[in-house]
Amino acid sequence: MPTKNLAIVVSFLALAVPAVAQQPVGIVGQEQACAGEFSMMFDAEMSSVRVNGHDESPAGNTVIFLQTADGAYQANCEVDDFGNVVEMVRTGG
């Protein structure tokens, strides 16, 4: 009997996740996605990551400009409308 309940919960979650993942996240969500990736890539504390603006890539994605508070690392992060990081390019530091 517990196995049936577990299967129902798993099936429900599997159906719910793609619907959430397909929602545009807006600039704040895009910045968060890039800051998280930047933090992991450069082993930097999230509290030290600074967003210095954004632009649009030729592909139509958003490019977020990031750096650590001390300037040790800088990068441009390309992210799509759904918060998926497409590319992270180190630009300095």
PDB file of N, CA and C in Angstrom:
ATOM      1  N   MET A   1       0.806  -1.202   0.000  1.00  0.00           N
ATOM      2  CA  MET A   1       0.000   0.000   0.000  1.00  0.00           C
ATOM      3  C   MET A   1       0.857   1.278   0.000  1.00  0.00           C
ATOM      4  N   PRO A   2       1.905   1.417   0.805  1.00  0.00           N
ATOM      5  CA  PRO A   2       2.720   2.627   0.750  1.00  0.00           C
ATOM      6  C   PRO A   2       3.336   2.857  -0.626  1.00  0.00           C
ATOM      7  N   THR A   3       3.610   1.795  -1.355  1.00  0.00           N
ATOM      8  CA  THR A   3       4.192   1.933  -2.683  1.00  0.00           C
ATOM      9  C   THR A   3       3.237   2.660  -3.623  1.00  0.00           C
ATOM     10  N   LYS A   4       1.937   2.383  -3.538  1.00  0.00           N
ATOM     11  CA  LYS A   4       0.956   3.074  -4.376  1.00  0.00           C
ATOM     12  C   LYS A   4       0.952   4.565  -4.071  1.00  0.00           C
ATOM     13  N   ASN A   5       0.942   4.917  -2.808  1.00  0.00           N
ATOM     14  CA  ASN A   5       0.961   6.331  -2.432  1.00  0.00           C
ATOM     15  C   ASN A   5       2.209   7.014  -2.945  1.00  0.00           C
ATOM     16  N   LEU A   6       3.339   6.356  -2.846  1.00  0.00           N
ATOM     17  CA  LEU A   6       4.592   6.927  -3.316  1.00  0.00           C
ATOM     18  C   LEU A   6       4.540   7.143  -4.822  1.00  0.00           C
ATOM     19  N   ALA A   7       3.999   6.170  -5.559  1.00  0.00           N
ATOM     20  CA  ALA A   7       3.899   6.276  -7.013  1.00  0.00           C
ATOM     21  C   ALA A   7       3.012   7.450  -7.414  1.00  0.00           C
ATOM     22  N   ILE A   8       1.948   7.684  -6.677  1.00  0.00           N
ATOM     23  CA  ILE A   8       1.046   8.795  -6.969  1.00  0.00           C
ATOM     24  C   ILE A   8       1.762  10.119  -6.745  1.00  0.00           C
ATOM     25  N   VAL A   9       2.481  10.245  -5.661  1.00  0.00           N
ATOM     26  CA  VAL A   9       3.208  11.476  -5.364  1.00  0.00           C
ATOM     27  C   VAL A   9       4.275  11.735  -6.420  1.00  0.00           C
ATOM     28  N   VAL A  10       5.045  10.722  -6.772  1.00  0.00           N
ATOM     29  CA  VAL A  10       6.088  10.868  -7.782  1.00  0.00           C
ATOM     30  C   VAL A  10       5.480  11.266  -9.117  1.00  0.00           C
ATOM     31  N   SER A  11       4.371  10.645  -9.502  1.00  0.00           N
ATOM     32  CA  SER A  11       3.709  10.985 -10.762  1.00  0.00           C
ATOM     33  C   SER A  11       3.236  12.431 -10.746  1.00  0.00           C
ATOM     34  N   PHE A  12       2.677  12.864  -9.651  1.00  0.00           N
ATOM     35  CA  PHE A  12       2.212  14.239  -9.537  1.00  0.00           C
ATOM     36  C   PHE A  12       3.371  15.215  -9.650  1.00  0.00           C
ATOM     37  N   LEU A  13       4.466  14.961  -8.946  1.00  0.00           N
ATOM     38  CA  LEU A  13       5.630  15.841  -9.002  1.00  0.00           C
ATOM     39  C   LEU A  13       6.249  15.864 -10.388  1.00  0.00           C
ATOM     40  N   ALA A  14       6.316  14.739 -11.032  1.00  0.00           N
ATOM     41  CA  ALA A  14       6.890  14.675 -12.382  1.00  0.00           C
ATOM     42  C   ALA A  14       6.072  15.516 -13.358  1.00  0.00           C
ATOM     43  N   LEU A  15       4.760  15.563 -13.169  1.00  0.00           N
ATOM     44  CA  LEU A  15       3.926  16.376 -14.037  1.00  0.00           C
ATOM     45  C   LEU A  15       4.007  17.855 -13.697  1.00  0.00           C
ATOM     46  N   ALA A  16       4.222  18.186 -12.449  1.00  0.00           N
ATOM     47  CA  ALA A  16       4.231  19.582 -12.024  1.00  0.00           C
ATOM     48  C   ALA A  16       5.536  20.299 -12.355  1.00  0.00           C
ATOM     49  N   VAL A  17       6.653  19.619 -12.328  1.00  0.00           N
ATOM     50  CA  VAL A  17       7.948  20.269 -12.518  1.00  0.00           C
ATOM     51  C   VAL A  17       8.099  20.919 -13.890  1.00  0.00           C
ATOM     52  N   PRO A  18       7.793  20.249 -15.010  1.00  0.00           N
ATOM     53  CA  PRO A  18       7.967  20.914 -16.305  1.00  0.00           C
ATOM     54  C   PRO A  18       7.139  22.192 -16.450  1.00  0.00           C
ATOM     55  N   ALA A  19       5.952  22.244 -15.877  1.00  0.00           N
ATOM     56  CA  ALA A  19       5.128  23.442 -15.983  1.00  0.00           C
ATOM     57  C   ALA A  19       5.801  24.622 -15.291  1.00  0.00           C
ATOM     58  N   VAL A  20       6.433  24.398 -14.172  1.00  0.00           N
ATOM     59  CA  VAL A  20       7.128  25.461 -13.452  1.00  0.00           C
ATOM     60  C   VAL A  20       8.373  25.895 -14.213  1.00  0.00           C
ATOM     61  N   ALA A  21       9.105  24.943 -14.764  1.00  0.00           N
ATOM     62  CA  ALA A  21      10.348  25.233 -15.454  1.00  0.00           C
ATOM     63  C   ALA A  21      10.125  26.025 -16.741  1.00  0.00           C
ATOM     64  N   GLN A  22       8.939  26.005 -17.288  1.00  0.00           N
ATOM     65  CA  GLN A  22       8.671  26.685 -18.546  1.00  0.00           C
ATOM     66  C   GLN A  22       8.182  28.126 -18.375  1.00  0.00           C
ATOM     67  N   GLN A  23       8.094  28.607 -17.162  1.00  0.00           N
ATOM     68  CA  GLN A  23       7.640  29.965 -16.923  1.00  0.00           C
ATOM     69  C   GLN A  23       8.805  30.946 -17.032  1.00  0.00           C
ATOM     70  N   PRO A  24       8.665  32.034 -17.781  1.00  0.00           N
ATOM     71  CA  PRO A  24       9.722  33.047 -17.809  1.00  0.00           C
ATOM     72  C   PRO A  24       9.967  33.567 -16.390  1.00  0.00           C
ATOM     73  N   VAL A  25      11.236  33.822 -16.066  1.00  0.00           N
ATOM     74  CA  VAL A  25      11.586  34.198 -14.699  1.00  0.00           C
ATOM     75  C   VAL A  25      11.810  35.697 -14.516  1.00  0.00           C
ATOM     76  N   GLY A  26      11.908  36.453 -15.586  1.00  0.00           N
ATOM     77  CA  GLY A  26      12.149  37.888 -15.481  1.00  0.00           C
ATOM     78  C   GLY A  26      13.596  38.181 -15.150  1.00  0.00           C
ATOM     79  N   ILE A  27      13.940  39.448 -15.139  1.00  0.00           N
ATOM     80  CA  ILE A  27      15.336  39.859 -14.952  1.00  0.00           C
ATOM     81  C   ILE A  27      15.868  39.457 -13.575  1.00  0.00           C
ATOM     82  N   VAL A  28      15.061  39.525 -12.547  1.00  0.00           N
ATOM     83  CA  VAL A  28      15.517  39.153 -11.202  1.00  0.00           C
ATOM     84  C   VAL A  28      15.871  37.668 -11.153  1.00  0.00           C
ATOM     85  N   GLY A  29      15.040  36.829 -11.745  1.00  0.00           N
ATOM     86  CA  GLY A  29      15.320  35.399 -11.795  1.00  0.00           C
ATOM     87  C   GLY A  29      16.537  35.087 -12.642  1.00  0.00           C
ATOM     88  N   GLN A  30      16.709  35.815 -13.739  1.00  0.00           N
ATOM     89  CA  GLN A  30      17.875  35.635 -14.593  1.00  0.00           C
ATOM     90  C   GLN A  30      19.153  36.024 -13.839  1.00  0.00           C
ATOM     91  N   GLU A  31      19.099  37.130 -13.117  1.00  0.00           N
ATOM     92  CA  GLU A  31      20.259  37.560 -12.327  1.00  0.00           C
ATOM     93  C   GLU A  31      20.603  36.516 -11.267  1.00  0.00           C
ATOM     94  N   GLN A  32      19.588  35.965 -10.607  1.00  0.00           N
ATOM     95  CA  GLN A  32      19.815  34.950  -9.574  1.00  0.00           C
ATOM     96  C   GLN A  32      20.441  33.692 -10.169  1.00  0.00           C
ATOM     97  N   ALA A  33      19.937  33.263 -11.334  1.00  0.00           N
ATOM     98  CA  ALA A  33      20.491  32.075 -11.987  1.00  0.00           C
ATOM     99  C   ALA A  33      21.957  32.288 -12.326  1.00  0.00           C
ATOM    100  N   CYS A  34      22.278  33.446 -12.864  1.00  0.00           N
ATOM    101  CA  CYS A  34      23.668  33.750 -13.225  1.00  0.00           C
ATOM    102  C   CYS A  34      24.544  33.896 -11.984  1.00  0.00           C
ATOM    103  N   ALA A  35      24.040  34.559 -10.960  1.00  0.00           N
ATOM    104  CA  ALA A  35      24.822  34.731  -9.734  1.00  0.00           C
ATOM    105  C   ALA A  35      25.133  33.378  -9.094  1.00  0.00           C
ATOM    106  N   GLY A  36      24.179  32.468  -9.100  1.00  0.00           N
ATOM    107  CA  GLY A  36      24.401  31.134  -8.545  1.00  0.00           C
ATOM    108  C   GLY A  36      25.457  30.370  -9.322  1.00  0.00           C
ATOM    109  N   GLU A  37      25.372  30.430 -10.648  1.00  0.00           N
ATOM    110  CA  GLU A  37      26.360  29.753 -11.497  1.00  0.00           C
ATOM    111  C   GLU A  37      27.745  30.382 -11.316  1.00  0.00           C
ATOM    112  N   PHE A  38      27.797  31.703 -11.274  1.00  0.00           N
ATOM    113  CA  PHE A  38      29.045  32.441 -11.063  1.00  0.00           C
ATOM    114  C   PHE A  38      29.679  32.039  -9.734  1.00  0.00           C
ATOM    115  N   SER A  39      28.861  31.991  -8.698  1.00  0.00           N
ATOM    116  CA  SER A  39      29.322  31.620  -7.362  1.00  0.00           C
ATOM    117  C   SER A  39      29.963  30.237  -7.357  1.00  0.00           C
ATOM    118  N   MET A  40      29.326  29.283  -8.005  1.00  0.00           N
ATOM    119  CA  MET A  40      29.870  27.924  -8.062  1.00  0.00           C
ATOM    120  C   MET A  40      31.126  27.865  -8.932  1.00  0.00           C
ATOM    121  N   MET A  41      31.107  28.556 -10.057  1.00  0.00           N
ATOM    122  CA  MET A  41      32.224  28.511 -11.000  1.00  0.00           C
ATOM    123  C   MET A  41      33.510  29.061 -10.392  1.00  0.00           C
ATOM    124  N   PHE A  42      33.395  30.148  -9.636  1.00  0.00           N
ATOM    125  CA  PHE A  42      34.571  30.807  -9.072  1.00  0.00           C
ATOM    126  C   PHE A  42      34.730  30.565  -7.572  1.00  0.00           C
ATOM    127  N   ASP A  43      33.923  29.676  -7.018  1.00  0.00           N
ATOM    128  CA  ASP A  43      33.969  29.354  -5.596  1.00  0.00           C
ATOM    129  C   ASP A  43      33.897  30.624  -4.746  1.00  0.00           C
ATOM    130  N   ALA A  44      32.938  31.472  -5.082  1.00  0.00           N
ATOM    131  CA  ALA A  44      32.747  32.749  -4.389  1.00  0.00           C
ATOM    132  C   ALA A  44      31.465  32.688  -3.565  1.00  0.00           C
ATOM    133  N   GLU A  45      31.463  33.334  -2.438  1.00  0.00           N
ATOM    134  CA  GLU A  45      30.258  33.436  -1.621  1.00  0.00           C
ATOM    135  C   GLU A  45      29.193  34.222  -2.387  1.00  0.00           C
ATOM    136  N   MET A  46      27.944  33.791  -2.321  1.00  0.00           N
ATOM    137  CA  MET A  46      26.857  34.507  -3.000  1.00  0.00           C
ATOM    138  C   MET A  46      26.782  35.964  -2.552  1.00  0.00           C
ATOM    139  N   SER A  47      27.085  36.211  -1.290  1.00  0.00           N
ATOM    140  CA  SER A  47      27.010  37.586  -0.778  1.00  0.00           C
ATOM    141  C   SER A  47      28.068  38.499  -1.397  1.00  0.00           C
ATOM    142  N   SER A  48      29.090  37.920  -2.037  1.00  0.00           N
ATOM    143  CA  SER A  48      30.130  38.739  -2.653  1.00  0.00           C
ATOM    144  C   SER A  48      29.893  38.966  -4.149  1.00  0.00           C
ATOM    145  N   VAL A  49      28.854  38.359  -4.707  1.00  0.00           N
ATOM    146  CA  VAL A  49      28.578  38.494  -6.140  1.00  0.00           C
ATOM    147  C   VAL A  49      27.795  39.782  -6.390  1.00  0.00           C
ATOM    148  N   ARG A  50      28.283  40.566  -7.338  1.00  0.00           N
ATOM    149  CA  ARG A  50      27.646  41.838  -7.697  1.00  0.00           C
ATOM    150  C   ARG A  50      27.179  41.793  -9.142  1.00  0.00           C
ATOM    151  N   VAL A  51      25.981  42.292  -9.396  1.00  0.00           N
ATOM    152  CA  VAL A  51      25.454  42.417 -10.752  1.00  0.00           C
ATOM    153  C   VAL A  51      25.695  43.856 -11.191  1.00  0.00           C
ATOM    154  N   ASN A  52      26.366  44.001 -12.340  1.00  0.00           N
ATOM    155  CA  ASN A  52      26.723  45.336 -12.830  1.00  0.00           C
ATOM    156  C   ASN A  52      25.926  45.754 -14.055  1.00  0.00           C
ATOM    157  N   GLY A  53      24.791  45.148 -14.270  1.00  0.00           N
ATOM    158  CA  GLY A  53      23.949  45.523 -15.398  1.00  0.00           C
ATOM    159  C   GLY A  53      23.679  44.344 -16.304  1.00  0.00           C
ATOM    160  N   HIS A  54      23.015  44.648 -17.419  1.00  0.00           N
ATOM    161  CA  HIS A  54      22.679  43.599 -18.367  1.00  0.00           C
ATOM    162  C   HIS A  54      22.496  44.186 -19.755  1.00  0.00           C
ATOM    163  N   ASP A  55      22.509  43.310 -20.733  1.00  0.00           N
ATOM    164  CA  ASP A  55      22.351  43.677 -22.136  1.00  0.00           C
ATOM    165  C   ASP A  55      21.650  42.519 -22.844  1.00  0.00           C
ATOM    166  N   GLU A  56      21.450  42.635 -24.131  1.00  0.00           N
ATOM    167  CA  GLU A  56      20.844  41.555 -24.905  1.00  0.00           C
ATOM    168  C   GLU A  56      21.884  40.951 -25.839  1.00  0.00           C
ATOM    169  N   SER A  57      21.908  39.625 -25.918  1.00  0.00           N
ATOM    170  CA  SER A  57      22.840  38.933 -26.813  1.00  0.00           C
ATOM    171  C   SER A  57      22.268  38.925 -28.230  1.00  0.00           C
ATOM    172  N   PRO A  58      23.106  38.642 -29.235  1.00  0.00           N
ATOM    173  CA  PRO A  58      22.602  38.537 -30.611  1.00  0.00           C
ATOM    174  C   PRO A  58      21.505  37.466 -30.760  1.00  0.00           C
ATOM    175  N   ALA A  59      21.530  36.445 -29.895  1.00  0.00           N
ATOM    176  CA  ALA A  59      20.520  35.380 -29.940  1.00  0.00           C
ATOM    177  C   ALA A  59      19.208  35.789 -29.273  1.00  0.00           C
ATOM    178  N   GLY A  60      19.174  36.965 -28.649  1.00  0.00           N
ATOM    179  CA  GLY A  60      17.963  37.430 -27.976  1.00  0.00           C
ATOM    180  C   GLY A  60      17.903  37.094 -26.500  1.00  0.00           C
ATOM    181  N   ASN A  61      18.935  36.430 -25.975  1.00  0.00           N
ATOM    182  CA  ASN A  61      19.006  36.131 -24.544  1.00  0.00           C
ATOM    183  C   ASN A  61      19.506  37.357 -23.793  1.00  0.00           C
ATOM    184  N   THR A  62      19.443  37.298 -22.492  1.00  0.00           N
ATOM    185  CA  THR A  62      19.956  38.374 -21.649  1.00  0.00           C
ATOM    186  C   THR A  62      21.388  38.052 -21.243  1.00  0.00           C
ATOM    187  N   VAL A  63      22.252  39.058 -21.269  1.00  0.00           N
ATOM    188  CA  VAL A  63      23.625  38.911 -20.794  1.00  0.00           C
ATOM    189  C   VAL A  63      23.742  39.720 -19.511  1.00  0.00           C
ATOM    190  N   ILE A  64      24.110  39.046 -18.425  1.00  0.00           N
ATOM    191  CA  ILE A  64      24.252  39.672 -17.113  1.00  0.00           C
ATOM    192  C   ILE A  64      25.748  39.871 -16.850  1.00  0.00           C
ATOM    193  N   PHE A  65      26.136  41.079 -16.423  1.00  0.00           N
ATOM    194  CA  PHE A  65      27.525  41.386 -16.096  1.00  0.00           C
ATOM    195  C   PHE A  65      27.722  41.202 -14.592  1.00  0.00           C
ATOM    196  N   LEU A  66      28.662  40.347 -14.209  1.00  0.00           N
ATOM    197  CA  LEU A  66      28.878  39.991 -12.806  1.00  0.00           C
ATOM    198  C   LEU A  66      30.327  40.195 -12.397  1.00  0.00           C
ATOM    199  N   GLN A  67      30.529  40.404 -11.111  1.00  0.00           N
ATOM    200  CA  GLN A  67      31.872  40.419 -10.536  1.00  0.00           C
ATOM    201  C   GLN A  67      31.773  40.171  -9.045  1.00  0.00           C
ATOM    202  N   THR A  68      32.908  39.778  -8.459  1.00  0.00           N
ATOM    203  CA  THR A  68      32.947  39.660  -7.010  1.00  0.00           C
ATOM    204  C   THR A  68      33.153  41.059  -6.432  1.00  0.00           C
ATOM    205  N   ALA A  69      32.788  41.253  -5.187  1.00  0.00           N
ATOM    206  CA  ALA A  69      32.889  42.562  -4.545  1.00  0.00           C
ATOM    207  C   ALA A  69      34.324  43.090  -4.546  1.00  0.00           C
ATOM    208  N   ASP A  70      35.292  42.191  -4.438  1.00  0.00           N
ATOM    209  CA  ASP A  70      36.697  42.623  -4.423  1.00  0.00           C
ATOM    210  C   ASP A  70      37.295  42.738  -5.821  1.00  0.00           C
ATOM    211  N   GLY A  71      36.511  42.437  -6.861  1.00  0.00           N
ATOM    212  CA  GLY A  71      36.979  42.539  -8.237  1.00  0.00           C
ATOM    213  C   GLY A  71      37.886  41.400  -8.684  1.00  0.00           C
ATOM    214  N   ALA A  72      38.029  40.372  -7.851  1.00  0.00           N
ATOM    215  CA  ALA A  72      38.918  39.262  -8.185  1.00  0.00           C
ATOM    216  C   ALA A  72      38.428  38.483  -9.405  1.00  0.00           C
ATOM    217  N   TYR A  73      37.127  38.404  -9.606  1.00  0.00           N
ATOM    218  CA  TYR A  73      36.553  37.677 -10.740  1.00  0.00           C
ATOM    219  C   TYR A  73      35.477  38.519 -11.399  1.00  0.00           C
ATOM    220  N   GLN A  74      35.441  38.462 -12.730  1.00  0.00           N
ATOM    221  CA  GLN A  74      34.416  39.139 -13.513  1.00  0.00           C
ATOM    222  C   GLN A  74      33.993  38.204 -14.637  1.00  0.00           C
ATOM    223  N   ALA A  75      32.720  38.241 -14.987  1.00  0.00           N
ATOM    224  CA  ALA A  75      32.228  37.377 -16.065  1.00  0.00           C
ATOM    225  C   ALA A  75      30.948  37.950 -16.651  1.00  0.00           C
ATOM    226  N   ASN A  76      30.675  37.533 -17.881  1.00  0.00           N
ATOM    227  CA  ASN A  76      29.402  37.801 -18.532  1.00  0.00           C
ATOM    228  C   ASN A  76      28.653  36.484 -18.597  1.00  0.00           C
ATOM    229  N   CYS A  77      27.406  36.526 -18.211  1.00  0.00           N
ATOM    230  CA  CYS A  77      26.575  35.321 -18.171  1.00  0.00           C
ATOM    231  C   CYS A  77      25.405  35.496 -19.129  1.00  0.00           C
ATOM    232  N   GLU A  78      25.294  34.600 -20.099  1.00  0.00           N
ATOM    233  CA  GLU A  78      24.146  34.611 -21.008  1.00  0.00           C
ATOM    234  C   GLU A  78      23.103  33.656 -20.453  1.00  0.00           C
ATOM    235  N   VAL A  79      21.877  34.142 -20.323  1.00  0.00           N
ATOM    236  CA  VAL A  79      20.792  33.364 -19.717  1.00  0.00           C
ATOM    237  C   VAL A  79      19.526  33.552 -20.547  1.00  0.00           C
ATOM    238  N   ASP A  80      18.751  32.470 -20.702  1.00  0.00           N
ATOM    239  CA  ASP A  80      17.513  32.585 -21.478  1.00  0.00           C
ATOM    240  C   ASP A  80      16.363  33.088 -20.602  1.00  0.00           C
ATOM    241  N   ASP A  81      15.204  33.244 -21.202  1.00  0.00           N
ATOM    242  CA  ASP A  81      14.036  33.784 -20.498  1.00  0.00           C
ATOM    243  C   ASP A  81      13.559  32.915 -19.343  1.00  0.00           C
ATOM    244  N   PHE A  82      13.957  31.635 -19.343  1.00  0.00           N
ATOM    245  CA  PHE A  82      13.494  30.695 -18.330  1.00  0.00           C
ATOM    246  C   PHE A  82      14.509  30.487 -17.215  1.00  0.00           C
ATOM    247  N   GLY A  83      15.605  31.269 -17.220  1.00  0.00           N
ATOM    248  CA  GLY A  83      16.608  31.165 -16.165  1.00  0.00           C
ATOM    249  C   GLY A  83      17.653  30.097 -16.406  1.00  0.00           C
ATOM    250  N   ASN A  84      17.744  29.581 -17.633  1.00  0.00           N
ATOM    251  CA  ASN A  84      18.766  28.594 -17.955  1.00  0.00           C
ATOM    252  C   ASN A  84      20.030  29.305 -18.422  1.00  0.00           C
ATOM    253  N   VAL A  85      21.137  29.074 -17.735  1.00  0.00           N
ATOM    254  CA  VAL A  85      22.406  29.685 -18.114  1.00  0.00           C
ATOM    255  C   VAL A  85      22.897  29.017 -19.391  1.00  0.00           C
ATOM    256  N   VAL A  86      23.106  29.806 -20.422  1.00  0.00           N
ATOM    257  CA  VAL A  86      23.555  29.333 -21.724  1.00  0.00           C
ATOM    258  C   VAL A  86      25.077  29.312 -21.783  1.00  0.00           C
ATOM    259  N   GLU A  87      25.692  30.376 -21.239  1.00  0.00           N
ATOM    260  CA  GLU A  87      27.145  30.498 -21.302  1.00  0.00           C
ATOM    261  C   GLU A  87      27.634  31.459 -20.227  1.00  0.00           C
ATOM    262  N   MET A  88      28.811  31.141 -19.670  1.00  0.00           N
ATOM    263  CA  MET A  88      29.467  32.018 -18.707  1.00  0.00           C
ATOM    264  C   MET A  88      30.871  32.261 -19.246  1.00  0.00           C
ATOM    265  N   VAL A  89      31.213  33.533 -19.500  1.00  0.00           N
ATOM    266  CA  VAL A  89      32.515  33.881 -20.064  1.00  0.00           C
ATOM    267  C   VAL A  89      33.256  34.778 -19.078  1.00  0.00           C
ATOM    268  N   ARG A  90      34.411  34.308 -18.627  1.00  0.00           N
ATOM    269  CA  ARG A  90      35.236  35.112 -17.725  1.00  0.00           C
ATOM    270  C   ARG A  90      35.804  36.290 -18.489  1.00  0.00           C
ATOM    271  N   THR A  91      35.662  37.485 -17.921  1.00  0.00           N
ATOM    272  CA  THR A  91      36.121  38.703 -18.602  1.00  0.00           C
ATOM    273  C   THR A  91      37.238  39.409 -17.864  1.00  0.00           C
ATOM    274  N   GLY A  92      37.549  39.002 -16.665  1.00  0.00           N
ATOM    275  CA  GLY A  92      38.606  39.658 -15.907  1.00  0.00           C
ATOM    276  C   GLY A  92      38.818  38.999 -14.565  1.00  0.00           C
ATOM    277  N   GLY A  93      39.855  39.487 -13.900  1.00  0.00           N
ATOM    278  CA  GLY A  93      40.165  38.977 -12.574  1.00  0.00           C
ATOM    279  C   GLY A  93      40.997  37.738 -12.587  1.00  0.00           C
TER     280      GLY A  93
END
